[in-house]
Amino acid sequence: MPRDGPPPPADSAPDGVRLLRHEAPEGTELHIVGVHLYLQDEHGRILLGLRHPDSAYAGNTWHFLAVH
């Protein structure tokens, strides 16, 4: 869904998102957790991706896959 104009300021949530900050018990800290998902076969090998040779960053090199 495209958005017109700049993104919302950092001190507010996007439209339609409700913050749980006020619903959480006192002393609760809300955090964002980053997680890496990787694929491993029965031999312990991990699936890597090969960057395109024309990539602007580290072309033609193997890298850990990023999941967005």
Protein backbone atom coordinates (compact mmCIF):
# COMPACT_ATOMS: atom_id res chain seq x y z
CA MET A 1 0.00 0.00 0.00
CA PRO A 2 1.80 3.17 -1.17
CA ARG A 3 1.92 6.14 1.17
CA ASP A 4 1.80 9.76 0.04
CA GLY A 5 4.21 12.12 1.72
CA PRO A 6 6.87 11.52 4.32
CA PRO A 7 6.70 8.70 6.88
CA PRO A 8 5.14 9.49 10.28
CA PRO A 9 7.37 10.99 12.97
CA ALA A 10 9.18 8.49 15.18
CA ASP A 11 7.05 9.39 18.21
CA SER A 12 3.81 8.17 16.61
CA ALA A 13 2.57 4.90 15.16
CA PRO A 14 1.30 4.49 11.59
CA ASP A 15 -2.45 4.81 11.07
CA GLY A 16 -4.31 1.70 12.22
CA VAL A 17 -1.56 0.48 14.58
CA ARG A 18 -2.38 0.49 18.25
CA LEU A 19 0.39 0.78 20.79
CA LEU A 20 0.31 -1.63 23.72
CA ARG A 21 2.48 0.62 25.87
CA HIS A 22 -0.48 1.81 27.96
CA GLU A 23 -1.98 -1.69 28.25
CA ALA A 24 1.19 -3.34 29.58
CA PRO A 25 1.84 -3.72 33.33
CA GLU A 26 3.93 -0.98 34.94
CA GLY A 27 7.66 -1.51 34.48
CA THR A 28 7.22 -3.39 31.20
CA GLU A 29 9.65 -2.44 28.45
CA LEU A 30 8.58 -3.10 24.86
CA HIS A 31 11.39 -4.29 22.58
CA ILE A 32 11.82 -5.25 18.95
CA VAL A 33 13.65 -8.53 18.49
CA GLY A 34 15.65 -9.31 15.36
CA VAL A 35 15.61 -12.92 14.21
CA HIS A 36 17.66 -14.71 11.56
CA LEU A 37 16.07 -17.64 9.77
CA TYR A 38 18.41 -20.02 8.00
CA LEU A 39 18.00 -23.25 6.09
CA GLN A 40 20.25 -26.16 7.03
CA ASP A 41 20.32 -29.62 5.49
CA GLU A 42 20.92 -32.98 7.18
CA HIS A 43 24.69 -32.58 6.66
CA GLY A 44 24.79 -29.26 8.54
CA ARG A 45 25.27 -27.18 5.40
CA ILE A 46 23.64 -23.74 5.45
CA LEU A 47 21.95 -22.26 2.38
CA LEU A 48 23.77 -19.15 1.17
CA GLY A 49 22.96 -16.78 -1.66
CA LEU A 50 25.34 -15.63 -4.39
CA ARG A 51 25.11 -11.91 -5.07
CA HIS A 52 24.74 -10.84 -8.68
CA PRO A 53 28.09 -9.75 -10.17
CA ASP A 54 26.63 -6.28 -10.90
CA SER A 55 25.39 -5.82 -7.32
CA ALA A 56 26.26 -2.41 -5.84
CA TYR A 57 27.49 -4.13 -2.66
CA ALA A 58 29.95 -7.05 -2.67
CA GLY A 59 29.06 -8.38 -6.09
CA ASN A 60 29.67 -12.05 -6.90
CA THR A 61 30.15 -13.03 -3.23
CA TRP A 62 28.31 -15.56 -1.08
CA HIS A 63 26.18 -14.14 1.73
CA PHE A 64 23.81 -15.15 4.48
CA LEU A 65 20.27 -14.72 3.15
CA ALA A 66 18.26 -11.76 4.42
CA VAL A 67 14.54 -12.30 4.87
CA HIS A 68 12.41 -9.19 4.60
